[in-house]
């Protein structure tokens, strides 16, 4: 009998990564994960922002970044400002960096949906790659032909299930982005 648990687990990992990526997509509300990709030059090397500061959402339109070392406050503000994909303009008062999150325009919302759709395609490709790995294993497996066919059908159904999960998550995220 063919054991698909390894491939099921791999597809679950793809879904988990996809959900994590979708959390980073801006929706018009302030969310600490918006700054997840910001790299700050601190202590002679580039580090993720969450390793040099605490990020919190203060209401729906404000992020507050509190550096662990106040000496990094200028570089944190500069790193956030330099990330053009975010389009944010932080200000600092010497203790914390305040990042106002402006409301999204209709055009910007559509751009964000388009960017998110590329992440959808990446996730679907990863799912299909897992399916191909399963098929390769099935071809080399010493199993009766009818068992191989059933296992192949099972893998295809598994692929469809996880692809549908990706589509449903993207549909929800699109609705969240387009909501005013």
N, C-alpha and C. Protein backbone atom coordinates (compact mmCIF):
# COMPACT_ATOMS: atom_id res chain seq x y z
N UNK A 1 0.84 -1.19 0.00
CA UNK A 1 0.00 0.00 0.00
C UNK A 1 0.88 1.25 0.00
N UNK A 2 0.43 2.29 -0.68
CA UNK A 2 1.17 3.55 -0.80
C UNK A 2 0.83 4.47 0.37
N UNK A 3 1.86 4.98 1.05
CA UNK A 3 1.66 5.88 2.19
C UNK A 3 1.83 7.33 1.72
N UNK A 4 0.72 8.09 1.74
CA UNK A 4 0.77 9.47 1.26
C UNK A 4 0.95 10.48 2.39
N UNK A 5 1.22 10.01 3.61
CA UNK A 5 1.32 10.93 4.75
C UNK A 5 2.47 11.92 4.59
N UNK A 6 3.56 11.48 3.98
CA UNK A 6 4.70 12.38 3.75
C UNK A 6 4.29 13.53 2.83
N UNK A 7 3.52 13.20 1.79
CA UNK A 7 3.10 14.21 0.82
C UNK A 7 2.00 15.10 1.38
N UNK A 8 1.13 14.51 2.18
CA UNK A 8 0.08 15.28 2.86
C UNK A 8 0.74 16.32 3.78
N UNK A 9 1.76 15.89 4.50
CA UNK A 9 2.49 16.77 5.40
C UNK A 9 3.19 17.89 4.62
N UNK A 10 3.78 17.55 3.50
CA UNK A 10 4.45 18.56 2.67
C UNK A 10 3.46 19.59 2.15
N UNK A 11 2.27 19.13 1.76
CA UNK A 11 1.23 20.05 1.28
C UNK A 11 0.71 20.93 2.43
N UNK A 12 0.62 20.37 3.61
CA UNK A 12 0.22 21.16 4.79
C UNK A 12 1.25 22.26 5.04
N UNK A 13 2.52 21.93 4.88
CA UNK A 13 3.57 22.93 5.06
C UNK A 13 3.45 24.05 4.04
N UNK A 14 3.10 23.71 2.80
CA UNK A 14 2.89 24.72 1.76
C UNK A 14 1.74 25.64 2.17
N UNK A 15 0.66 25.06 2.66
CA UNK A 15 -0.50 25.85 3.09
C UNK A 15 -0.11 26.77 4.25
N UNK A 16 0.65 26.26 5.20
CA UNK A 16 1.08 27.06 6.34
C UNK A 16 1.93 28.25 5.88
N UNK A 17 2.89 27.98 4.97
CA UNK A 17 3.72 29.07 4.44
C UNK A 17 2.87 30.08 3.68
N UNK A 18 1.88 29.59 2.93
CA UNK A 18 1.00 30.48 2.18
C UNK A 18 0.21 31.38 3.12
N UNK A 19 -0.33 30.81 4.19
CA UNK A 19 -1.07 31.62 5.16
C UNK A 19 -0.16 32.67 5.81
N UNK A 20 1.07 32.28 6.10
CA UNK A 20 2.03 33.24 6.66
C UNK A 20 2.31 34.38 5.69
N UNK A 21 2.45 34.04 4.40
CA UNK A 21 2.66 35.08 3.38
C UNK A 21 1.45 35.99 3.26
N UNK A 22 0.27 35.42 3.35
CA UNK A 22 -0.95 36.23 3.24
C UNK A 22 -1.11 37.18 4.44
N UNK A 23 -0.58 36.78 5.60
CA UNK A 23 -0.63 37.67 6.76
C UNK A 23 0.18 38.94 6.53
N UNK A 24 1.22 38.82 5.72
CA UNK A 24 2.09 39.96 5.46
C UNK A 24 1.49 40.94 4.46
N UNK A 25 0.47 40.50 3.72
CA UNK A 25 -0.15 41.36 2.71
C UNK A 25 -0.98 42.43 3.39
N UNK A 26 -0.76 43.64 2.98
CA UNK A 26 -1.44 44.77 3.59
C UNK A 26 -2.91 44.79 3.25
N UNK A 27 -3.76 45.07 4.24
CA UNK A 27 -5.21 45.07 4.02
C UNK A 27 -5.86 46.39 4.37
N UNK A 28 -5.08 47.40 4.71
CA UNK A 28 -5.67 48.67 5.09
C UNK A 28 -5.71 48.87 6.60
N UNK A 29 -5.57 47.78 7.33
CA UNK A 29 -5.51 47.85 8.79
C UNK A 29 -4.06 47.65 9.21
N UNK A 30 -3.68 48.33 10.26
CA UNK A 30 -2.32 48.17 10.78
C UNK A 30 -2.17 46.78 11.40
N UNK A 31 -1.12 46.10 11.01
CA UNK A 31 -0.85 44.77 11.54
C UNK A 31 0.67 44.62 11.65
N UNK A 32 1.18 44.15 12.79
CA UNK A 32 2.63 44.03 12.96
C UNK A 32 3.33 43.21 11.87
N UNK A 33 2.66 42.23 11.29
CA UNK A 33 3.28 41.41 10.25
C UNK A 33 3.55 42.20 8.97
N UNK A 34 2.97 43.40 8.84
CA UNK A 34 3.23 44.23 7.66
C UNK A 34 4.72 44.55 7.55
N UNK A 35 5.38 44.63 8.68
CA UNK A 35 6.79 45.01 8.71
C UNK A 35 7.71 43.79 8.79
N UNK A 36 7.18 42.61 8.56
CA UNK A 36 7.95 41.37 8.71
C UNK A 36 9.14 41.28 7.76
N UNK A 37 9.05 41.88 6.58
CA UNK A 37 10.13 41.77 5.61
C UNK A 37 11.15 42.90 5.70
N UNK A 38 10.96 43.84 6.62
CA UNK A 38 11.88 44.96 6.76
C UNK A 38 13.17 44.49 7.42
N UNK A 39 14.29 44.80 6.79
CA UNK A 39 15.61 44.47 7.33
C UNK A 39 16.27 45.77 7.79
N UNK A 40 16.85 45.72 9.01
CA UNK A 40 17.47 46.88 9.61
C UNK A 40 18.96 46.60 9.78
N UNK A 41 19.80 47.59 9.43
CA UNK A 41 21.23 47.43 9.65
C UNK A 41 21.53 47.81 11.09
N UNK A 42 21.82 46.81 11.89
CA UNK A 42 22.12 47.03 13.30
C UNK A 42 23.30 46.15 13.70
N UNK A 43 24.19 46.71 14.46
CA UNK A 43 25.36 45.97 14.97
C UNK A 43 26.20 45.40 13.83
N UNK A 44 26.27 46.15 12.73
CA UNK A 44 27.13 45.76 11.62
C UNK A 44 26.56 44.72 10.66
N UNK A 45 25.29 44.36 10.82
CA UNK A 45 24.69 43.40 9.89
C UNK A 45 23.20 43.68 9.73
N UNK A 46 22.62 43.14 8.68
CA UNK A 46 21.20 43.33 8.44
C UNK A 46 20.41 42.28 9.21
N UNK A 47 19.41 42.75 9.94
CA UNK A 47 18.60 41.86 10.78
C UNK A 47 17.13 42.16 10.54
N UNK A 48 16.26 41.15 10.70
CA UNK A 48 14.82 41.41 10.61
C UNK A 48 14.41 42.41 11.70
N UNK A 49 13.47 43.26 11.37
CA UNK A 49 13.02 44.30 12.30
C UNK A 49 12.57 43.71 13.64
N UNK A 50 11.90 42.57 13.61
CA UNK A 50 11.39 42.00 14.86
C UNK A 50 12.50 41.48 15.79
N UNK A 51 13.76 41.45 15.30
CA UNK A 51 14.87 41.05 16.16
C UNK A 51 15.55 42.25 16.83
N UNK A 52 15.21 43.46 16.38
CA UNK A 52 15.80 44.65 16.99
C UNK A 52 14.76 45.55 17.64
N UNK A 53 13.48 45.19 17.50
CA UNK A 53 12.42 46.03 18.06
C UNK A 53 11.15 45.23 18.29
N UNK A 54 10.30 45.79 19.13
CA UNK A 54 8.98 45.21 19.38
C UNK A 54 7.98 45.98 18.52
N UNK A 55 7.15 45.28 17.77
CA UNK A 55 6.19 45.93 16.87
C UNK A 55 4.79 45.65 17.37
N UNK A 56 4.00 46.71 17.57
CA UNK A 56 2.61 46.55 18.01
C UNK A 56 1.70 47.43 17.18
N UNK A 57 0.45 47.03 17.08
CA UNK A 57 -0.56 47.84 16.40
C UNK A 57 -1.29 48.65 17.47
N UNK A 58 -1.30 49.96 17.26
CA UNK A 58 -1.99 50.85 18.18
C UNK A 58 -3.20 51.40 17.43
N UNK A 59 -4.29 50.66 17.45
CA UNK A 59 -5.46 51.05 16.67
C UNK A 59 -5.38 50.49 15.27
N UNK A 60 -6.34 50.85 14.45
CA UNK A 60 -6.43 50.29 13.10
C UNK A 60 -5.50 50.98 12.11
N UNK A 61 -4.97 52.16 12.46
CA UNK A 61 -4.17 52.91 11.49
C UNK A 61 -2.78 53.30 12.00
N UNK A 62 -2.30 52.68 13.06
CA UNK A 62 -0.98 53.07 13.60
C UNK A 62 -0.21 51.84 14.09
N UNK A 63 1.04 51.77 13.67
CA UNK A 63 1.97 50.78 14.19
C UNK A 63 2.98 51.51 15.07
N UNK A 64 3.34 50.89 16.17
CA UNK A 64 4.34 51.46 17.07
C UNK A 64 5.50 50.48 17.16
N UNK A 65 6.70 50.98 16.82
CA UNK A 65 7.90 50.16 16.85
C UNK A 65 8.77 50.67 17.99
N UNK A 66 8.99 49.81 18.98
CA UNK A 66 9.80 50.17 20.15
C UNK A 66 11.12 49.41 20.06
N UNK A 67 12.22 50.12 19.77
CA UNK A 67 13.51 49.43 19.64
C UNK A 67 14.02 48.92 20.98
N UNK A 68 14.70 47.78 20.95
CA UNK A 68 15.31 47.24 22.16
C UNK A 68 16.49 48.12 22.57
N UNK A 69 17.18 48.68 21.57
CA UNK A 69 18.29 49.60 21.81
C UNK A 69 17.92 50.95 21.18
N UNK A 70 17.69 51.99 22.00
CA UNK A 70 17.29 53.29 21.46
C UNK A 70 18.27 53.88 20.45
N UNK A 71 19.49 53.40 20.42
CA UNK A 71 20.46 53.88 19.45
C UNK A 71 20.13 53.48 18.02
N UNK A 72 19.24 52.51 17.85
CA UNK A 72 18.87 52.04 16.51
C UNK A 72 17.64 52.75 15.95
N UNK A 73 17.11 53.71 16.66
CA UNK A 73 15.83 54.31 16.26
C UNK A 73 15.88 54.95 14.88
N UNK A 74 16.97 55.64 14.56
CA UNK A 74 17.10 56.29 13.25
C UNK A 74 17.19 55.28 12.12
N UNK A 75 17.96 54.21 12.32
CA UNK A 75 18.10 53.21 11.27
C UNK A 75 16.80 52.43 11.06
N UNK A 76 16.03 52.24 12.13
CA UNK A 76 14.74 51.56 12.00
C UNK A 76 13.79 52.40 11.15
N UNK A 77 13.70 53.69 11.48
CA UNK A 77 12.82 54.59 10.71
C UNK A 77 13.26 54.63 9.24
N UNK A 78 14.57 54.70 9.01
CA UNK A 78 15.08 54.75 7.64
C UNK A 78 14.78 53.46 6.88
N UNK A 79 14.89 52.32 7.56
CA UNK A 79 14.63 51.03 6.90
C UNK A 79 13.16 50.91 6.50
N UNK A 80 12.27 51.35 7.37
CA UNK A 80 10.83 51.29 7.05
C UNK A 80 10.52 52.24 5.89
N UNK A 81 11.09 53.43 5.93
CA UNK A 81 10.85 54.43 4.89
C UNK A 81 11.39 53.96 3.55
N UNK A 82 12.52 53.24 3.55
CA UNK A 82 13.15 52.82 2.29
C UNK A 82 12.45 51.64 1.62
N UNK A 83 11.56 50.95 2.32
CA UNK A 83 10.83 49.82 1.73
C UNK A 83 9.65 50.38 0.93
N UNK A 84 9.88 50.56 -0.39
CA UNK A 84 8.87 51.19 -1.24
C UNK A 84 7.62 50.36 -1.41
N UNK A 85 7.72 49.08 -1.25
CA UNK A 85 6.55 48.21 -1.39
C UNK A 85 5.52 48.53 -0.30
N UNK A 86 6.00 48.97 0.85
CA UNK A 86 5.08 49.31 1.95
C UNK A 86 4.46 50.69 1.75
N UNK A 87 5.26 51.63 1.27
CA UNK A 87 4.76 52.99 1.06
C UNK A 87 4.39 53.68 2.37
N UNK A 88 5.18 53.46 3.42
CA UNK A 88 4.89 54.04 4.73
C UNK A 88 5.90 55.12 5.05
N UNK A 89 5.48 56.10 5.87
CA UNK A 89 6.35 57.21 6.26
C UNK A 89 6.39 57.30 7.78
N UNK A 90 7.36 56.62 8.40
CA UNK A 90 7.44 56.61 9.87
C UNK A 90 7.99 57.92 10.43
N UNK A 91 7.69 58.15 11.69
CA UNK A 91 8.29 59.28 12.41
C UNK A 91 8.73 58.77 13.77
N UNK A 92 9.81 59.36 14.29
CA UNK A 92 10.27 58.91 15.60
C UNK A 92 10.32 60.09 16.55
N UNK A 93 10.14 59.80 17.83
CA UNK A 93 10.19 60.85 18.86
C UNK A 93 11.36 60.64 19.81
N UNK A 94 12.32 59.81 19.41
CA UNK A 94 13.48 59.54 20.24
C UNK A 94 13.32 58.29 21.10
N UNK A 95 12.08 57.83 21.29
CA UNK A 95 11.84 56.64 22.11
C UNK A 95 11.20 55.53 21.29
N UNK A 96 10.24 55.88 20.45
CA UNK A 96 9.53 54.90 19.61
C UNK A 96 9.40 55.45 18.20
N UNK A 97 9.15 54.55 17.25
CA UNK A 97 8.88 54.92 15.87
C UNK A 97 7.39 54.70 15.64
N UNK A 98 6.70 55.74 15.24
CA UNK A 98 5.27 55.64 14.94
C UNK A 98 5.13 55.55 13.42
N UNK A 99 4.36 54.56 12.99
CA UNK A 99 4.17 54.34 11.55
C UNK A 99 2.68 54.44 11.24
N UNK A 100 2.24 55.62 10.75
CA UNK A 100 0.83 55.73 10.37
C UNK A 100 0.56 54.91 9.11
N UNK A 101 -0.54 54.19 9.11
CA UNK A 101 -0.92 53.37 7.96
C UNK A 101 -2.06 54.10 7.25
N UNK A 102 -1.75 54.73 6.11
CA UNK A 102 -2.79 55.48 5.41
C UNK A 102 -3.83 54.56 4.79
N UNK A 103 -5.06 55.06 4.61
CA UNK A 103 -6.07 54.23 3.95
C UNK A 103 -5.66 53.94 2.51
N UNK A 104 -6.05 52.79 2.03
CA UNK A 104 -5.69 52.37 0.68
C UNK A 104 -6.65 52.95 -0.35
N UNK A 105 -6.10 53.36 -1.48
CA UNK A 105 -6.94 53.79 -2.60
C UNK A 105 -7.40 52.54 -3.35
N UNK A 106 -8.40 52.70 -4.18
CA UNK A 106 -8.91 51.57 -4.98
C UNK A 106 -7.82 51.00 -5.88
N UNK A 107 -7.03 51.89 -6.48
CA UNK A 107 -5.96 51.44 -7.36
C UNK A 107 -4.91 50.64 -6.59
N UNK A 108 -4.55 51.13 -5.42
CA UNK A 108 -3.55 50.44 -4.59
C UNK A 108 -4.09 49.08 -4.13
N UNK A 109 -5.38 49.02 -3.81
CA UNK A 109 -5.98 47.75 -3.41
C UNK A 109 -5.85 46.72 -4.54
N UNK A 110 -6.10 47.15 -5.77
CA UNK A 110 -6.00 46.24 -6.91
C UNK A 110 -4.57 45.77 -7.12
N UNK A 111 -3.59 46.68 -6.91
CA UNK A 111 -2.19 46.29 -7.01
C UNK A 111 -1.84 45.23 -5.97
N UNK A 112 -2.36 45.42 -4.75
CA UNK A 112 -2.07 44.47 -3.67
C UNK A 112 -2.67 43.11 -3.98
N UNK A 113 -3.89 43.09 -4.54
CA UNK A 113 -4.51 41.82 -4.93
C UNK A 113 -3.67 41.13 -6.00
N UNK A 114 -3.16 41.91 -6.95
CA UNK A 114 -2.33 41.34 -8.01
C UNK A 114 -1.05 40.74 -7.42
N UNK A 115 -0.43 41.43 -6.48
CA UNK A 115 0.77 40.92 -5.82
C UNK A 115 0.45 39.64 -5.05
N UNK A 116 -0.69 39.64 -4.36
CA UNK A 116 -1.09 38.46 -3.59
C UNK A 116 -1.37 37.28 -4.54
N UNK A 117 -1.88 37.57 -5.72
CA UNK A 117 -2.18 36.48 -6.65
C UNK A 117 -0.90 35.78 -7.12
N UNK A 118 0.22 36.50 -7.15
CA UNK A 118 1.48 35.84 -7.51
C UNK A 118 1.90 34.86 -6.41
N UNK A 119 1.59 35.20 -5.16
CA UNK A 119 1.88 34.29 -4.04
C UNK A 119 0.99 33.05 -4.14
N UNK A 120 -0.23 33.23 -4.63
CA UNK A 120 -1.15 32.10 -4.83
C UNK A 120 -0.54 31.14 -5.86
N UNK A 121 -0.07 31.71 -6.95
CA UNK A 121 0.50 30.85 -7.99
C UNK A 121 1.74 30.13 -7.49
N UNK A 122 2.57 30.81 -6.70
CA UNK A 122 3.76 30.16 -6.12
C UNK A 122 3.35 28.97 -5.25
N UNK A 123 2.31 29.16 -4.44
CA UNK A 123 1.85 28.08 -3.56
C UNK A 123 1.30 26.91 -4.38
N UNK A 124 0.56 27.21 -5.43
CA UNK A 124 0.02 26.14 -6.27
C UNK A 124 1.13 25.37 -6.97
N UNK A 125 2.17 26.08 -7.39
CA UNK A 125 3.32 25.40 -8.01
C UNK A 125 3.98 24.48 -7.00
N UNK A 126 4.11 24.94 -5.77
CA UNK A 126 4.71 24.10 -4.72
C UNK A 126 3.87 22.84 -4.48
N UNK A 127 2.55 23.00 -4.49
CA UNK A 127 1.65 21.84 -4.32
C UNK A 127 1.83 20.87 -5.48
N UNK A 128 1.89 21.41 -6.70
CA UNK A 128 2.07 20.54 -7.87
C UNK A 128 3.43 19.83 -7.84
N UNK A 129 4.44 20.50 -7.31
CA UNK A 129 5.76 19.86 -7.18
C UNK A 129 5.70 18.68 -6.22
N UNK A 130 4.96 18.84 -5.14
CA UNK A 130 4.79 17.73 -4.19
C UNK A 130 4.07 16.58 -4.89
N UNK A 131 3.04 16.91 -5.68
CA UNK A 131 2.31 15.88 -6.42
C UNK A 131 3.26 15.14 -7.37
N UNK A 132 4.12 15.88 -8.06
CA UNK A 132 5.06 15.24 -8.98
C UNK A 132 6.03 14.32 -8.24
N UNK A 133 6.47 14.74 -7.06
CA UNK A 133 7.35 13.88 -6.26
C UNK A 133 6.63 12.57 -5.91
N UNK A 134 5.35 12.69 -5.55
CA UNK A 134 4.58 11.49 -5.22
C UNK A 134 4.44 10.58 -6.44
N UNK A 135 4.18 11.18 -7.59
CA UNK A 135 4.04 10.38 -8.81
C UNK A 135 5.33 9.66 -9.17
N UNK A 136 6.46 10.36 -8.98
CA UNK A 136 7.75 9.73 -9.27
C UNK A 136 7.97 8.52 -8.36
N UNK A 137 7.62 8.68 -7.09
CA UNK A 137 7.78 7.56 -6.16
C UNK A 137 6.86 6.40 -6.57
N UNK A 138 5.65 6.74 -7.01
CA UNK A 138 4.71 5.69 -7.42
C UNK A 138 5.23 4.91 -8.63
N UNK A 139 5.86 5.61 -9.58
CA UNK A 139 6.36 4.93 -10.78
C UNK A 139 7.44 3.92 -10.44
N UNK A 140 8.26 4.25 -9.44
CA UNK A 140 9.35 3.34 -9.09
C UNK A 140 8.95 2.32 -8.03
N UNK A 141 7.76 2.48 -7.45
CA UNK A 141 7.32 1.57 -6.39
C UNK A 141 6.98 0.19 -6.97
N UNK A 142 7.24 -0.82 -6.19
CA UNK A 142 6.93 -2.20 -6.57
C UNK A 142 5.53 -2.53 -6.08
N UNK A 143 4.54 -2.00 -6.79
CA UNK A 143 3.14 -2.21 -6.41
C UNK A 143 2.36 -2.74 -7.61
N UNK A 144 1.25 -3.44 -7.35
CA UNK A 144 0.39 -3.85 -8.47
C UNK A 144 -0.15 -2.61 -9.20
N UNK A 145 -0.43 -2.77 -10.47
CA UNK A 145 -0.85 -1.65 -11.32
C UNK A 145 -2.13 -0.98 -10.80
N UNK A 146 -3.11 -1.77 -10.37
CA UNK A 146 -4.36 -1.18 -9.88
C UNK A 146 -4.14 -0.38 -8.59
N UNK A 147 -3.22 -0.83 -7.75
CA UNK A 147 -2.89 -0.10 -6.52
C UNK A 147 -2.22 1.23 -6.88
N UNK A 148 -1.33 1.19 -7.88
CA UNK A 148 -0.68 2.43 -8.34
C UNK A 148 -1.72 3.43 -8.84
N UNK A 149 -2.69 2.94 -9.61
CA UNK A 149 -3.74 3.83 -10.15
C UNK A 149 -4.57 4.45 -9.02
N UNK A 150 -4.94 3.64 -8.05
CA UNK A 150 -5.71 4.16 -6.90
C UNK A 150 -4.90 5.20 -6.12
N UNK A 151 -3.62 4.90 -5.93
CA UNK A 151 -2.76 5.83 -5.19
C UNK A 151 -2.57 7.13 -5.97
N UNK A 152 -2.44 7.02 -7.28
CA UNK A 152 -2.30 8.21 -8.12
C UNK A 152 -3.56 9.06 -8.05
N UNK A 153 -4.71 8.40 -8.08
CA UNK A 153 -5.97 9.12 -7.96
C UNK A 153 -6.08 9.80 -6.59
N UNK A 154 -5.63 9.11 -5.56
CA UNK A 154 -5.64 9.66 -4.21
C UNK A 154 -4.75 10.91 -4.12
N UNK A 155 -3.58 10.85 -4.74
CA UNK A 155 -2.66 12.00 -4.74
C UNK A 155 -3.29 13.17 -5.50
N UNK A 156 -3.95 12.88 -6.63
CA UNK A 156 -4.62 13.94 -7.38
C UNK A 156 -5.74 14.59 -6.57
N UNK A 157 -6.50 13.78 -5.84
CA UNK A 157 -7.57 14.32 -5.00
C UNK A 157 -6.98 15.17 -3.87
N UNK A 158 -5.87 14.72 -3.32
CA UNK A 158 -5.18 15.47 -2.27
C UNK A 158 -4.71 16.82 -2.82
N UNK A 159 -4.15 16.80 -4.02
CA UNK A 159 -3.69 18.03 -4.67
C UNK A 159 -4.85 18.99 -4.88
N UNK A 160 -5.98 18.47 -5.35
CA UNK A 160 -7.16 19.32 -5.57
C UNK A 160 -7.65 19.91 -4.25
N UNK A 161 -7.68 19.12 -3.19
CA UNK A 161 -8.12 19.59 -1.88
C UNK A 161 -7.27 20.77 -1.42
N UNK A 162 -5.95 20.63 -1.52
CA UNK A 162 -5.07 21.69 -1.05
C UNK A 162 -5.08 22.91 -1.97
N UNK A 163 -5.24 22.69 -3.27
CA UNK A 163 -5.36 23.81 -4.19
C UNK A 163 -6.64 24.59 -3.90
N UNK A 164 -7.71 23.88 -3.59
CA UNK A 164 -8.96 24.55 -3.23
C UNK A 164 -8.82 25.36 -1.94
N UNK A 165 -8.04 24.85 -0.99
CA UNK A 165 -7.78 25.59 0.25
C UNK A 165 -7.06 26.90 -0.05
N UNK A 166 -6.10 26.84 -0.97
CA UNK A 166 -5.37 28.05 -1.36
C UNK A 166 -6.32 29.05 -2.01
N UNK A 167 -7.18 28.56 -2.93
CA UNK A 167 -8.13 29.45 -3.59
C UNK A 167 -9.10 30.09 -2.60
N UNK A 168 -9.56 29.31 -1.63
CA UNK A 168 -10.50 29.84 -0.64
C UNK A 168 -9.82 30.91 0.23
N UNK A 169 -8.59 30.65 0.63
CA UNK A 169 -7.85 31.63 1.43
C UNK A 169 -7.61 32.91 0.64
N UNK A 170 -7.30 32.77 -0.65
CA UNK A 170 -7.08 33.95 -1.49
C UNK A 170 -8.37 34.73 -1.69
N UNK A 171 -9.47 34.02 -1.87
CA UNK A 171 -10.76 34.69 -2.02
C UNK A 171 -11.10 35.51 -0.77
N UNK A 172 -10.86 34.91 0.40
CA UNK A 172 -11.10 35.63 1.66
C UNK A 172 -10.19 36.85 1.77
N UNK A 173 -8.92 36.69 1.41
CA UNK A 173 -7.97 37.79 1.52
C UNK A 173 -8.33 38.90 0.54
N UNK A 174 -8.76 38.54 -0.67
CA UNK A 174 -9.17 39.53 -1.66
C UNK A 174 -10.36 40.33 -1.14
N UNK A 175 -11.31 39.66 -0.55
CA UNK A 175 -12.47 40.36 0.02
C UNK A 175 -12.02 41.30 1.13
N UNK A 176 -11.08 40.85 1.95
CA UNK A 176 -10.56 41.68 3.04
C UNK A 176 -9.82 42.91 2.51
N UNK A 177 -9.04 42.73 1.44
CA UNK A 177 -8.29 43.84 0.86
C UNK A 177 -9.22 44.85 0.20
N UNK A 178 -10.22 44.35 -0.51
CA UNK A 178 -11.10 45.25 -1.27
C UNK A 178 -12.15 45.93 -0.39
N UNK A 179 -12.35 45.44 0.84
CA UNK A 179 -13.32 46.07 1.74
C UNK A 179 -12.77 47.42 2.19
N UNK A 180 -13.66 48.38 2.20
CA UNK A 180 -13.23 49.75 2.56
C UNK A 180 -13.52 50.02 4.02
